[in-house]
Amino acid sequence: MSYAIARLKKLKRGNISGSASHTARERETPNADPTQQNIRFIGSLDPDERLEDLVLAKIEEHEQRRKIRTDAVYCVELLLSASPSYFRPDCPTNAGYYEGQKLDDWLEATHQWLADEYGERIVRAELHLDEATPHIHAYFVPIDEQGQLRCNHFFDGRQKIHAFQDSYYNTMRLIGLERGIKGSKAQHQDIKDFYRIVEEGRDLEVDELSVEHLKAKAADRERANQRKQEMEATAKALALENEQLRQRIEQLEQDNQQLQNLVQLTSDLPLDDVAWELGLNREHEQWRGYGHIVTIDGSEFSDLAPNGQFQGNGTLDLVKHVNKCSQSTAIAWLGERFGEVGAERAAIAVARRMTSEIIQTQLIPQFTPPIEDKKQWQQVENYLTQKRGIPSDCVQMLHQQGLVYADSKANAVFVMRDQQGTPKGAFLQGALNDISGYELGTNRRDSWFYFHLGGKANDDNSRAVLCQSPVETISLAMLEYLTKGIPASRTVFIAIDDPKNLPQQRLQNIPHVQVAFNQLTAAKAVKKLLPHSTQLKCEKDWNTQLVNFSRQLQQRQYHGQELQL
């Protein structure tokens, strides 16, 4: 048989918040499953609404004839449920499980009973589904028919408690629940005793429990222990995280202090301190002495004296002006008064201002590419095709695109461009002496020799291949072309001789990056900057492989012609 369960707990004002924090799960509840959602079906869903405020508001709706005692019962917590066998008749020991229709029938009947029995005096009711068996916590404000707060009127003595339980049973029997045995010990005064409710309708001692009930209790304990272990693991993780955060904060504070020290060391001396050391006296907002009337505004100052009007910026200007000395003498004076560090601060401030002014006013020299000498192109073309083994079609294509040409010294000029395609430098490869190097003024950090193969001109690059020189870059591209054909997707081949000029941000957006460097150290450095990159290994260098492959190809073609003859 399955039984209706009803118990109550009287709450004084000081107990209301504690009860609410438990039922609203505002504090950890070891025997509760945090993955299950409880349902508040009476009262506001506002998480900031306090139960105590609801209770007081309900009491204040009626004028109390006498002062409420400090130990008065302000609220009664009702715990309503049924035997586990009602919610899960086929498996009563399966804690946490319930049949949906059974739950709906019981909830509807209980909700109706609360409305009929107590009406608006129920200020909050919640259905708990996160423990072993569904149950309801309802909060009843015991106001009698005259509007007076009087708990004894409802729950004074055993007979009234029995009447409360009888009333609940009379409704629950309509859904098939039985009433417990009157006079039994099943008072259920603590939620921890809730699962001691058994089929007979009374509390049983441990030795009276059946195997099923022992299993149910064991399952409850197991859930509580598991929850406890999870909480302990969470606490340890939080403690570790807090320690790491504490260490991080300490490190940031140290870094901040170092930064402040650095800022102080690299900033100019306060002009007020310098004026005082110079022997000037402060009168209101002016420094006077030796015929000077100096006003200071940050790092700038003005001398308003009729015979010596002057405007300056910084410590050195002020010392030179007042002491009427040279810059070197002013620095020596500052070293004597403020120490070497103080003199350095003043000198650095001057250098910084001069640097800023130069950067803002001086025109930046633009790169001037070597002048093309078309008479030398044949010499350069022969060098690239015959000595370097680069197919003539490839050389002509690069030449037509303006990426390779000859200068007056028969150097192969490989044009280096920025990401927008603007020439910013050039790499020179001697066709006569095999000497190589950069053209004067080349921006090595922001320009590269590169070209594209495969895909369409407007396609995004899906692959990038990095080599250490223009000749190596072209050689690898031609090896792939001769053995595999034109790449199916857009591929960019880039010459990068040092990780310092790696276009890291650009390459991070390309899915496949292959590093074809001969130097293992440089390849590893690129791998650190671009973790998604892979390495293409080469026995010697790519140009040697291209030359050898071209010779083998020519030999096969020659033998093929002999066979045809």
Protein backbone atom coordinates (compact mmCIF):
# COMPACT_ATOMS: atom_id res chain seq x y z
CA MET A 1 0.00 0.00 0.00
CA SER A 2 1.00 3.61 -0.57
CA TYR A 3 0.41 6.28 2.03
CA ALA A 4 -0.21 10.02 2.04
CA ILE A 5 2.41 11.89 4.05
CA ALA A 6 1.86 15.24 5.76
CA ARG A 7 4.06 16.85 8.36
CA LEU A 8 4.59 20.39 9.57
CA LYS A 9 7.19 22.56 11.21
CA LYS A 10 6.48 25.77 13.09
CA LEU A 11 8.80 28.62 12.18
CA LYS A 12 9.58 31.61 14.31
CA ARG A 13 10.67 34.75 12.54
CA GLY A 14 14.35 33.92 12.95
CA ASN A 15 13.88 30.50 11.34
CA ILE A 16 12.12 31.63 8.16
CA SER A 17 15.19 32.61 6.13
CA GLY A 18 17.00 29.38 6.97
CA SER A 19 14.07 27.26 5.85
CA ALA A 20 13.68 29.31 2.68
CA SER A 21 17.37 29.02 1.77
CA HIS A 22 17.06 25.24 1.99
CA THR A 23 13.86 24.83 0.01
CA ALA A 24 14.92 27.40 -2.61
CA ARG A 25 18.31 25.65 -2.89
CA GLU A 26 20.19 28.81 -2.02
CA ARG A 27 22.69 26.69 -0.12
CA GLU A 28 24.28 23.32 -0.80
CA THR A 29 22.02 20.34 -0.13
CA PRO A 30 24.06 17.10 -0.18
CA ASN A 31 21.05 14.80 -0.77
CA ALA A 32 19.78 16.87 -3.72
CA ASP A 33 20.52 16.26 -7.40
CA PRO A 34 21.60 19.62 -8.93
CA THR A 35 20.65 18.46 -12.43
CA GLN A 36 16.94 18.33 -11.55
CA GLN A 37 14.74 21.43 -11.68
CA ASN A 38 12.33 22.15 -8.83
CA ILE A 39 9.01 23.89 -9.53
CA ARG A 40 7.53 26.80 -7.59
CA PHE A 41 3.79 26.63 -8.29
CA ILE A 42 2.58 29.13 -5.70
CA GLY A 43 4.32 32.47 -5.28
CA SER A 44 6.53 34.68 -7.40
CA LEU A 45 9.46 33.27 -9.36
CA ASP A 46 11.54 36.35 -8.56
CA PRO A 47 14.78 34.98 -7.02
CA ASP A 48 15.27 38.21 -5.05
CA GLU A 49 11.88 37.99 -3.32
CA ARG A 50 12.41 36.97 0.31
CA LEU A 51 10.06 34.54 2.03
CA GLU A 52 10.24 36.56 5.23
CA ASP A 53 8.97 39.65 3.37
CA LEU A 54 6.03 37.65 2.00
CA VAL A 55 5.12 36.41 5.48
CA LEU A 56 5.34 39.87 7.04
CA ALA A 57 3.32 41.38 4.20
CA LYS A 58 0.58 38.80 4.69
CA ILE A 59 0.44 39.52 8.45
CA GLU A 60 0.34 43.28 7.84
CA GLU A 61 -2.78 42.88 5.72
CA HIS A 62 -4.66 42.65 9.03
CA GLU A 63 -4.33 44.90 12.04
CA GLN A 64 -3.08 42.89 15.00
CA ARG A 65 -4.93 43.61 18.23
CA ARG A 66 -1.94 42.93 20.37
CA LYS A 67 1.80 43.09 19.91
CA ILE A 68 3.23 39.95 18.34
CA ARG A 69 5.43 38.07 20.79
CA THR A 70 9.10 37.62 19.96
CA ASP A 71 8.69 33.84 20.17
CA ALA A 72 5.51 33.76 18.10
CA VAL A 73 5.10 31.36 15.18
CA TYR A 74 5.08 33.51 12.05
CA CYS A 75 4.86 30.73 9.53
CA VAL A 76 4.26 26.98 9.28
CA GLU A 77 6.21 24.86 6.82
CA LEU A 78 4.12 22.00 5.44
CA LEU A 79 5.87 18.97 3.96
CA LEU A 80 3.52 16.94 1.75
CA SER A 81 4.34 13.75 -0.11
CA ALA A 82 3.48 10.09 -0.57
CA SER A 83 5.19 6.74 -0.21
CA PRO A 84 7.85 5.97 -2.82
CA SER A 85 5.73 3.02 -3.96
CA TYR A 86 3.04 5.45 -5.13
CA PHE A 87 5.33 7.40 -7.46
CA ARG A 88 7.21 4.32 -8.72
CA PRO A 89 5.10 1.22 -7.98
CA ASP A 90 7.29 -1.09 -10.06
CA CYS A 91 10.58 0.00 -8.52
CA PRO A 92 10.13 1.79 -5.16
CA THR A 93 13.87 1.58 -4.40
CA ASN A 94 14.86 3.47 -7.56
CA ALA A 95 15.53 6.80 -5.86
CA GLY A 96 14.85 9.85 -8.00
CA TYR A 97 12.52 8.11 -10.45
CA TYR A 98 8.77 8.75 -10.70
CA GLU A 99 5.97 8.09 -13.15
CA GLY A 100 4.83 11.29 -14.82
CA GLN A 101 1.09 10.65 -14.60
CA LYS A 102 1.31 9.68 -10.93
CA LEU A 103 3.20 12.88 -10.20
CA ASP A 104 0.69 15.03 -12.12
CA ASP A 105 -2.30 13.49 -10.32
CA TRP A 106 -0.75 13.96 -6.90
CA LEU A 107 0.43 17.53 -7.62
CA GLU A 108 -2.98 18.59 -8.91
CA ALA A 109 -4.76 17.08 -5.90
CA THR A 110 -2.32 18.64 -3.42
CA HIS A 111 -2.51 22.04 -5.10
CA GLN A 112 -6.30 21.93 -4.88
CA TRP A 113 -6.18 20.86 -1.21
CA LEU A 114 -3.88 23.78 -0.33
CA ALA A 115 -6.21 26.21 -2.08
CA ASP A 116 -9.34 24.81 -0.42
CA GLU A 117 -7.84 24.46 3.05
CA TYR A 118 -5.70 27.59 3.36
CA GLY A 119 -6.38 29.80 0.35
CA GLU A 120 -4.23 32.92 0.04
CA ARG A 121 -2.57 32.24 3.38
CA ILE A 122 -0.19 29.93 1.46
CA VAL A 123 2.45 32.46 0.36
CA ARG A 124 4.77 29.99 -1.35
CA ALA A 125 4.78 26.34 -2.42
CA GLU A 126 7.50 24.41 -4.25
CA LEU A 127 7.60 20.95 -5.76
CA HIS A 128 10.96 19.28 -5.16
CA LEU A 129 12.07 16.72 -7.72
CA ASP A 130 15.77 16.73 -6.91
CA GLU A 131 15.63 14.25 -4.02
CA ALA A 132 14.73 10.57 -3.78
CA THR A 133 10.94 11.04 -3.74
CA PRO A 134 8.85 14.01 -4.99
CA HIS A 135 7.52 16.22 -2.20
CA ILE A 136 6.14 19.71 -1.63
CA HIS A 137 7.23 22.45 0.75
CA ALA A 138 4.37 24.90 1.36
CA TYR A 139 4.50 27.95 3.65
CA PHE A 140 1.30 28.79 5.52
CA VAL A 141 0.83 32.04 7.48
CA PRO A 142 -1.44 31.04 10.43
CA ILE A 143 -3.96 33.90 10.38
CA ASP A 144 -7.36 33.03 11.80
CA GLU A 145 -10.80 34.20 10.64
CA GLN A 146 -10.40 37.48 12.57
CA GLY A 147 -7.10 38.22 10.82
CA GLN A 148 -5.00 37.52 13.90
CA LEU A 149 -1.69 35.67 13.83
CA ARG A 150 -2.54 32.60 15.91
CA CYS A 151 -0.80 29.32 15.15
CA ASN A 152 -2.39 27.53 18.11
CA HIS A 153 -5.75 27.97 16.47
CA PHE A 154 -4.66 25.56 13.76
CA PHE A 155 -2.01 23.28 15.22
CA ASP A 156 -2.32 23.21 19.00
CA GLY A 157 -2.20 19.67 20.31
CA ARG A 158 -2.30 16.18 18.85
CA GLN A 159 -5.96 16.33 17.85
CA LYS A 160 -5.45 19.36 15.62
CA ILE A 161 -2.36 17.75 14.08
CA HIS A 162 -4.43 14.64 13.36
CA ALA A 163 -7.17 16.83 11.88
CA PHE A 164 -4.57 18.41 9.58
CA GLN A 165 -3.39 14.96 8.45
CA ASP A 166 -6.96 13.68 8.09
CA SER A 167 -7.85 16.62 5.90
CA TYR A 168 -4.93 15.90 3.58
CA TYR A 169 -5.74 12.17 3.51
CA ASN A 170 -9.40 12.81 2.60
CA THR A 171 -8.18 14.45 -0.59
CA MET A 172 -5.34 12.02 -1.28
CA ARG A 173 -7.55 8.94 -1.00
CA LEU A 174 -9.22 10.08 -4.22
CA ILE A 175 -5.99 9.21 -6.04
CA GLY A 176 -5.53 5.91 -4.22
CA LEU A 177 -3.41 6.86 -1.21
CA GLU A 178 -3.99 5.43 2.28
CA ARG A 179 -3.70 7.15 5.62
CA GLY A 180 -0.95 6.16 8.04
CA ILE A 181 -1.77 4.52 11.35
CA LYS A 182 -2.94 7.08 13.89
CA GLY A 183 -0.80 7.20 16.98
CA SER A 184 2.25 5.80 15.25
CA LYS A 185 5.71 7.26 15.67
CA ALA A 186 5.80 8.61 12.10
CA GLN A 187 6.03 12.29 12.97
CA HIS A 188 8.77 13.09 10.39
CA GLN A 189 10.04 16.11 12.25
CA ASP A 190 13.20 16.44 10.17
CA ILE A 191 13.69 16.19 6.43
CA LYS A 192 16.56 13.76 7.01
CA ASP A 193 13.97 11.31 8.35
CA PHE A 194 11.75 11.65 5.31
CA TYR A 195 12.89 8.45 3.65
CA ARG A 196 12.09 6.42 6.73
CA ILE A 197 8.46 6.54 5.63
CA VAL A 198 7.54 2.94 4.86
CA GLU A 199 4.63 0.99 3.54
CA GLU A 200 3.11 0.38 7.00
CA GLY A 201 2.66 4.08 7.64
CA ARG A 202 4.99 4.29 10.66
CA ASP A 203 8.71 4.65 11.38
CA LEU A 204 10.63 1.41 11.62
CA GLU A 205 13.82 0.66 13.42
CA VAL A 206 16.76 -0.51 11.32
CA ASP A 207 16.30 -4.15 12.22
CA GLU A 208 12.68 -4.01 11.02
CA LEU A 209 13.51 -2.65 7.57
CA SER A 210 12.98 -4.89 4.58
CA VAL A 211 15.66 -5.55 1.97
CA GLU A 212 13.98 -3.09 -0.40
CA HIS A 213 13.95 -0.37 2.22
CA LEU A 214 17.59 -1.00 3.08
CA LYS A 215 18.44 -0.71 -0.60
CA ALA A 216 16.54 2.57 -0.80
CA LYS A 217 18.38 3.98 2.20
CA ALA A 218 21.70 2.75 0.79
CA ALA A 219 20.92 4.44 -2.51
CA ASP A 220 20.16 7.68 -0.67
CA ARG A 221 23.42 7.45 1.25
CA GLU A 222 25.31 6.69 -1.95
CA ARG A 223 23.84 9.77 -3.61
CA ALA A 224 24.72 11.90 -0.61
CA ASN A 225 28.28 10.53 -0.53
CA GLN A 226 28.69 11.07 -4.25
CA ARG A 227 27.43 14.62 -3.92
CA LYS A 228 29.80 15.17 -1.00
CA GLN A 229 32.73 13.90 -3.06
CA GLU A 230 31.76 16.18 -5.93
CA MET A 231 31.57 19.13 -3.55
CA GLU A 232 34.98 18.27 -2.07
CA ALA A 233 36.48 17.97 -5.56
CA THR A 234 34.93 21.31 -6.50
CA ALA A 235 36.28 22.88 -3.32
CA LYS A 236 39.78 21.59 -4.08
CA ALA A 237 39.58 22.87 -7.64
CA LEU A 238 38.38 26.27 -6.43
CA ALA A 239 41.15 26.39 -3.83
CA LEU A 240 43.72 25.64 -6.52
CA GLU A 241 42.19 28.25 -8.81
CA ASN A 242 42.19 30.80 -5.99
CA GLU A 243 45.86 30.09 -5.30
CA GLN A 244 46.70 30.50 -8.96
CA LEU A 245 44.74 33.75 -9.06
CA ARG A 246 46.52 34.96 -5.93
CA GLN A 247 49.89 34.22 -7.50
CA ARG A 248 48.79 35.91 -10.71
CA ILE A 249 47.68 38.99 -8.79
CA GLU A 250 51.02 39.11 -6.98
CA GLN A 251 52.84 38.85 -10.31
CA LEU A 252 50.68 41.59 -11.82
CA GLU A 253 51.35 43.81 -8.82
CA GLN A 254 55.08 43.24 -9.22
CA ASP A 255 54.85 43.93 -12.95
CA ASN A 256 52.85 47.07 -12.24
CA GLN A 257 55.44 48.27 -9.75
CA GLN A 258 58.23 47.58 -12.22
CA LEU A 259 56.30 49.45 -14.88
CA GLN A 260 55.79 52.41 -12.57
CA ASN A 261 59.50 52.40 -11.77
CA LEU A 262 60.31 52.25 -15.46
CA VAL A 263 57.91 55.09 -16.23
CA GLN A 264 59.51 57.16 -13.50
CA LEU A 265 63.00 56.43 -14.79
CA THR A 266 62.03 57.34 -18.35
CA SER A 267 60.08 60.49 -17.46
CA ASP A 268 61.50 63.95 -16.96
CA LEU A 269 62.16 65.41 -13.53
CA PRO A 270 59.35 67.48 -11.98
CA LEU A 271 60.03 71.10 -12.92
CA ASP A 272 58.92 72.33 -9.49
CA ASP A 273 61.72 70.29 -7.88
CA VAL A 274 64.24 71.62 -10.39
CA ALA A 275 63.11 75.22 -9.85
CA TRP A 276 63.58 74.81 -6.11
CA GLU A 277 67.10 73.37 -6.61
CA LEU A 278 67.89 76.31 -8.89
CA GLY A 279 67.25 78.64 -5.96
CA LEU A 280 63.94 80.07 -7.12
CA ASN A 281 61.26 80.83 -4.53
CA ARG A 282 57.63 79.98 -5.02
CA GLU A 283 55.18 82.84 -4.67
CA HIS A 284 51.63 81.78 -5.37
CA GLU A 285 51.83 80.07 -8.79
CA GLN A 286 55.15 81.61 -9.81
CA TRP A 287 58.80 80.87 -9.16
CA ARG A 288 60.86 84.03 -8.64
CA GLY A 289 64.54 84.78 -8.28
CA TYR A 290 67.57 86.13 -10.15
CA GLY A 291 65.28 88.37 -12.19
CA HIS A 292 63.09 85.47 -13.36
CA ILE A 293 59.32 85.05 -13.03
CA VAL A 294 58.70 81.45 -14.04
CA THR A 295 55.31 79.75 -14.39
CA ILE A 296 55.20 75.98 -14.80
CA ASP A 297 52.55 73.96 -16.63
CA GLY A 298 53.44 70.28 -16.66
CA SER A 299 56.64 69.88 -18.67
CA GLU A 300 56.44 73.39 -20.12
CA PHE A 301 57.45 76.68 -18.51
CA SER A 302 57.40 80.39 -19.32
CA ASP A 303 59.58 83.20 -17.98
CA LEU A 304 57.44 86.32 -17.70
CA ALA A 305 60.23 88.66 -16.61
CA PRO A 306 60.14 91.91 -18.66
CA ASN A 307 63.77 91.64 -19.72
CA GLY A 308 63.98 87.88 -20.18
CA GLN A 309 60.78 86.48 -21.60
CA PHE A 310 61.28 82.88 -22.63
CA GLN A 311 59.34 79.68 -23.21
CA GLY A 312 60.84 76.25 -22.79
CA ASN A 313 60.06 72.57 -22.42
CA GLY A 314 61.64 70.23 -19.92
CA THR A 315 64.30 70.18 -17.25
CA LEU A 316 67.32 70.88 -19.44
CA ASP A 317 65.72 73.97 -20.96
CA LEU A 318 64.92 75.34 -17.50
CA VAL A 319 68.43 74.72 -16.13
CA LYS A 320 70.10 76.22 -19.22
CA HIS A 321 67.81 79.26 -19.06
CA VAL A 322 68.22 80.04 -15.36
CA ASN A 323 71.92 79.12 -15.06
CA LYS A 324 72.72 80.56 -18.50
CA CYS A 325 74.81 77.53 -19.38
CA SER A 326 75.33 74.98 -22.15
CA GLN A 327 73.51 71.68 -22.37
CA SER A 328 76.52 69.65 -21.21
CA THR A 329 76.97 71.94 -18.21
CA ALA A 330 73.26 71.65 -17.43
CA ILE A 331 73.51 67.83 -17.47
CA ALA A 332 76.54 67.97 -15.15
CA TRP A 333 74.62 70.27 -12.77
CA LEU A 334 71.64 67.89 -12.76
CA GLY A 335 73.97 64.97 -12.02
CA GLU A 336 75.35 66.83 -9.00
CA ARG A 337 71.87 67.79 -7.68
CA PHE A 338 69.73 64.80 -8.69
CA GLY A 339 72.32 62.09 -9.23
CA GLU A 340 73.18 60.24 -12.41
CA VAL A 341 69.67 58.78 -12.70
CA GLY A 342 68.11 62.25 -12.52
CA ALA A 343 70.44 63.58 -15.21
CA GLU A 344 69.64 60.59 -17.41
CA ARG A 345 65.91 61.20 -16.98
CA ALA A 346 66.31 64.78 -18.17
CA ALA A 347 68.47 63.77 -21.14
CA ILE A 348 66.09 60.96 -22.13
CA ALA A 349 63.15 63.35 -22.02
CA VAL A 350 64.94 65.68 -24.45
CA ALA A 351 65.79 62.78 -26.75
CA ARG A 352 62.18 61.58 -26.66
CA ARG A 353 60.82 65.00 -27.59
CA MET A 354 63.33 65.35 -30.41
CA THR A 355 62.50 61.88 -31.68
CA SER A 356 58.77 62.58 -31.62
CA GLU A 357 59.25 65.85 -33.48
CA ILE A 358 61.43 64.22 -36.13
CA ILE A 359 58.96 61.39 -36.69
CA GLN A 360 56.10 63.84 -37.08
CA THR A 361 57.89 66.27 -39.39
CA GLN A 362 60.52 64.31 -41.31
CA LEU A 363 59.45 62.68 -44.55
CA ILE A 364 59.90 58.92 -44.59
CA PRO A 365 62.21 57.83 -47.43
CA GLN A 366 60.38 55.64 -49.92
CA PHE A 367 61.94 52.54 -51.39
CA THR A 368 63.36 53.05 -54.86
CA PRO A 369 63.61 49.81 -56.81
CA PRO A 370 66.67 49.17 -59.01
CA ILE A 371 66.35 50.55 -62.53
CA GLU A 372 65.48 47.86 -65.03
CA ASP A 373 68.04 47.21 -67.76
CA LYS A 374 66.35 45.25 -70.53
CA LYS A 375 69.69 44.64 -72.25
CA GLN A 376 70.73 42.44 -69.34
CA TRP A 377 67.53 40.39 -69.26
CA GLN A 378 68.81 37.70 -71.61
CA GLN A 379 71.80 37.16 -69.34
CA VAL A 380 69.54 36.87 -66.28
CA GLU A 381 67.04 34.64 -68.06
CA ASN A 382 69.79 32.24 -69.13
CA TYR A 383 71.07 32.14 -65.55
CA LEU A 384 67.64 31.25 -64.18
CA THR A 385 66.74 28.68 -66.82
CA GLN A 386 70.08 27.04 -67.57
CA LYS A 387 72.02 27.23 -64.30
CA ARG A 388 69.06 27.17 -61.91
CA GLY A 389 66.93 24.81 -63.98
CA ILE A 390 63.76 26.91 -63.74
CA PRO A 391 61.39 26.25 -66.65
CA SER A 392 61.41 29.05 -69.21
CA ASP A 393 57.62 29.42 -69.06
CA CYS A 394 57.80 30.13 -65.33
CA VAL A 395 60.57 32.71 -65.75
CA GLN A 396 58.62 34.47 -68.50
CA MET A 397 55.45 34.48 -66.38
CA LEU A 398 57.21 36.07 -63.41
CA HIS A 399 58.94 38.57 -65.71
CA GLN A 400 55.66 39.59 -67.33
CA GLN A 401 54.10 40.08 -63.89
CA GLY A 402 56.96 42.42 -62.96
CA LEU A 403 58.17 40.13 -60.19
CA VAL A 404 61.56 39.40 -61.77
CA TYR A 405 63.71 41.60 -64.03
CA ALA A 406 67.36 42.52 -64.67
CA ASP A 407 69.30 45.57 -63.49
CA SER A 408 72.37 47.16 -65.07
CA LYS A 409 74.74 44.76 -63.27
CA ALA A 410 72.97 41.66 -64.61
CA ASN A 411 71.41 40.93 -61.25
CA ALA A 412 68.13 39.08 -61.11
CA VAL A 413 65.87 41.51 -59.23
CA PHE A 414 63.16 39.70 -57.26
CA VAL A 415 60.56 42.29 -56.29
CA MET A 416 59.37 42.20 -52.66
CA ARG A 417 55.85 43.47 -51.97
CA ASP A 418 53.72 44.13 -48.91
CA GLN A 419 50.40 42.37 -48.36
CA GLN A 420 48.63 44.94 -50.56
CA GLY A 421 51.04 44.28 -53.43
CA THR A 422 53.04 47.53 -53.14
CA PRO A 423 56.80 47.11 -53.83
CA LYS A 424 58.75 47.75 -50.64
CA GLY A 425 62.05 46.05 -51.42
CA ALA A 426 64.04 43.79 -53.71
CA PHE A 427 66.31 40.77 -53.40
CA LEU A 428 69.22 40.71 -55.85
CA GLN A 429 70.74 37.50 -57.20
CA GLY A 430 73.87 37.94 -59.34
CA ALA A 431 73.73 36.15 -62.67
CA LEU A 432 77.48 36.61 -63.28
CA ASN A 433 78.98 36.23 -59.80
CA ASP A 434 76.20 34.43 -57.87
CA ILE A 435 76.36 37.11 -55.14
CA SER A 436 73.03 37.81 -53.47
CA GLY A 437 71.61 40.38 -51.06
CA TYR A 438 68.96 43.03 -50.48
CA GLU A 439 68.67 46.31 -52.33
CA LEU A 440 69.38 49.35 -50.18
CA GLY A 441 66.21 50.62 -48.48
CA THR A 442 64.39 47.29 -48.54
CA ASN A 443 61.77 46.87 -45.82
CA ARG A 444 62.56 43.30 -44.84
CA ARG A 445 59.98 43.13 -42.07
CA ASP A 446 56.92 44.10 -44.09
CA SER A 447 57.61 42.93 -47.65
CA TRP A 448 58.21 39.56 -49.29
CA PHE A 449 58.79 37.94 -52.65
CA TYR A 450 55.68 35.88 -53.32
CA PHE A 451 53.43 34.61 -56.11
CA HIS A 452 50.30 32.48 -56.47
CA LEU A 453 49.47 29.27 -58.30
CA GLY A 454 46.19 27.39 -58.68
CA GLY A 455 42.61 28.36 -57.95
CA LYS A 456 41.11 31.64 -59.10
CA ALA A 457 42.55 35.10 -58.66
CA ASN A 458 39.79 36.11 -56.23
CA ASP A 459 39.96 32.92 -54.14
CA ASP A 460 41.29 33.03 -50.60
CA ASN A 461 44.56 31.26 -50.05
CA SER A 462 43.98 27.76 -48.72
CA ARG A 463 47.68 26.85 -48.61
CA ALA A 464 50.95 28.68 -48.07
CA VAL A 465 54.46 27.36 -48.74
CA LEU A 466 57.42 29.12 -47.09
CA CYS A 467 60.98 28.94 -48.46
CA GLN A 468 64.16 30.81 -47.56
CA SER A 469 64.97 32.59 -50.83
CA PRO A 470 63.25 33.55 -54.09
CA VAL A 471 65.15 30.90 -56.09
CA GLU A 472 64.25 28.22 -53.53
CA THR A 473 60.62 29.34 -53.56
CA ILE A 474 60.36 29.18 -57.36
CA SER A 475 62.20 25.83 -57.42
CA LEU A 476 59.81 24.15 -54.99
CA ALA A 477 56.80 25.54 -56.83
CA MET A 478 58.11 24.14 -60.12
CA LEU A 479 58.92 20.76 -58.58
CA GLU A 480 55.31 20.48 -57.43
CA TYR A 481 54.05 21.67 -60.82
CA LEU A 482 56.18 19.19 -62.78
CA THR A 483 55.24 16.24 -60.55
CA LYS A 484 51.66 17.04 -59.52
CA GLY A 485 50.42 19.70 -61.90
CA ILE A 486 48.80 23.03 -61.03
CA PRO A 487 47.44 23.08 -57.43
CA ALA A 488 43.68 22.57 -57.23
CA SER A 489 43.27 25.34 -54.64
CA ARG A 490 44.80 28.78 -54.33
CA THR A 491 48.39 28.45 -53.08
CA VAL A 492 50.81 31.24 -52.22
CA PHE A 493 54.57 30.63 -52.34
CA ILE A 494 56.53 33.05 -50.12
CA ALA A 495 60.25 33.66 -49.64
CA ILE A 496 61.03 34.26 -45.95
CA ASP A 497 64.65 34.17 -44.87
CA ASP A 498 64.06 34.77 -41.15
CA PRO A 499 61.19 34.22 -38.69
CA LYS A 500 61.47 37.92 -37.82
CA ASN A 501 59.73 38.89 -41.06
CA LEU A 502 57.07 36.19 -40.86
CA PRO A 503 53.61 37.61 -41.78
CA GLN A 504 52.17 35.79 -38.79
CA GLN A 505 48.68 37.30 -38.74
CA ARG A 506 48.20 36.68 -42.45
CA LEU A 507 49.40 33.08 -42.24
CA GLN A 508 47.25 32.28 -39.20
CA ASN A 509 44.18 32.65 -41.42
CA ILE A 510 45.48 30.17 -44.02
CA PRO A 511 44.38 26.60 -43.18
CA HIS A 512 47.49 24.79 -44.47
CA VAL A 513 50.97 26.25 -44.00
CA GLN A 514 54.04 24.26 -45.04
CA VAL A 515 57.54 25.28 -43.95
CA ALA A 516 60.18 24.25 -46.50
CA PHE A 517 63.29 25.68 -44.81
CA ASN A 518 66.66 23.96 -45.09
CA GLN A 519 67.69 25.23 -41.66
CA LEU A 520 66.07 23.19 -38.90
CA THR A 521 66.43 25.97 -36.31
CA ALA A 522 64.48 28.45 -38.42
CA ALA A 523 61.82 25.83 -39.15
CA LYS A 524 61.34 25.17 -35.42
CA ALA A 525 61.06 28.91 -34.75
CA VAL A 526 58.29 29.20 -37.33
CA LYS A 527 56.54 26.17 -35.81
CA LYS A 528 56.35 27.98 -32.46
CA LEU A 529 54.78 31.02 -34.10
CA LEU A 530 52.45 28.96 -36.31
CA PRO A 531 51.56 25.76 -34.42
CA HIS A 532 49.28 24.55 -37.22
CA SER A 533 52.13 24.57 -39.76
CA THR A 534 53.85 21.41 -41.05
CA GLN A 535 57.39 20.90 -42.34
CA LEU A 536 58.50 19.84 -45.81
CA LYS A 537 61.89 18.16 -45.54
CA CYS A 538 64.57 18.52 -48.19
CA GLU A 539 67.79 16.51 -48.46
CA LYS A 540 69.93 19.44 -49.65
CA ASP A 541 68.04 22.33 -51.20
CA TRP A 542 65.03 22.66 -53.48
CA ASN A 543 66.94 24.17 -56.40
CA THR A 544 69.38 21.25 -56.51
CA GLN A 545 66.43 18.87 -56.57
CA LEU A 546 64.85 20.86 -59.39
CA VAL A 547 68.07 20.83 -61.44
CA ASN A 548 68.48 17.06 -60.96
CA PHE A 549 64.84 16.42 -61.79
CA SER A 550 65.07 18.56 -64.95
CA ARG A 551 68.12 16.60 -66.11
CA GLN A 552 66.38 13.30 -65.51
CA LEU A 553 63.36 14.57 -67.40
CA GLN A 554 65.53 15.66 -70.33
CA GLN A 555 67.27 12.28 -70.38
CA ARG A 556 63.95 10.43 -70.47
CA GLN A 557 62.77 12.67 -73.28
CA TYR A 558 66.03 12.09 -75.19
CA HIS A 559 65.83 8.31 -74.85
CA GLY A 560 62.21 8.45 -75.89
CA GLN A 561 63.18 10.23 -79.12
CA GLU A 562 65.86 7.59 -79.81
CA LEU A 563 63.32 4.81 -79.46
CA GLN A 564 60.99 6.58 -81.88
CA LEU A 565 63.83 6.86 -84.42
